[in-house]
């Protein structure tokens, strides 16, 4: 662990600076521009997903990512008790999404952060960040066809956005890693549908855990079948 921390000082610093800038922008918008906390929360939600691409590009090791997940989980728990990050945790919002987000990164790193399978971690995190984040923003802004599942308020527009973004993320990353093959369409369609179903039925923010982990497992096993 200490060897990884010392040899990866520059990659860790780059990723940390990115996160600090992201949180700083969100906090500025929340505190001084009076931007709705739900919007700034989604900015952080979506932007944080890019860290997995930085980690992939900078070749950050598994132990460092797991340590970062543990630290992020502790910060999330603290932020529920003390309102240190209003841009991340909406006031009065009954959700453990931030904590589940951090846990999912650690779990996915443990499962797939090896040389030949890092793409499954990336697909899962980006589906969670971009898919779920964009679905919420589109649904709240333009959702004209609402529905409820187990008390969860959703919209057809938001769910379609979730499915489309999940499909897009999956097919792009699989094609970049393995070169284009028609089977990618089948896998991406199934992952998009599955991720949307998980997001629809999840409560108290647990979709930040079920969606990425479920998406990664489905993508992985379908890839084993088709390739």
Foldseek 3Di string as FASTA:
>chain_A
DVVLCVVLVPLVVVLVVQLVVLLVVLVCCVPPVVDALLLLQLSSLQSNLCSLVSCVVSVRALVVLLVVLVVQLVVLVVCVVPVPRCSNDPPPQQASQSNLLSVQSNVLSVVAVDPVGSLLSSLLSNLRNVLLSVLVVCCVPPFPAWDADPRDIHGPSSLVSSLVSSLVSQLVSCCVNPNDDPVSNVLSNVLSVVLSVLVRHDPRNNSSRCNSVVSSVSSVVSVVVPD
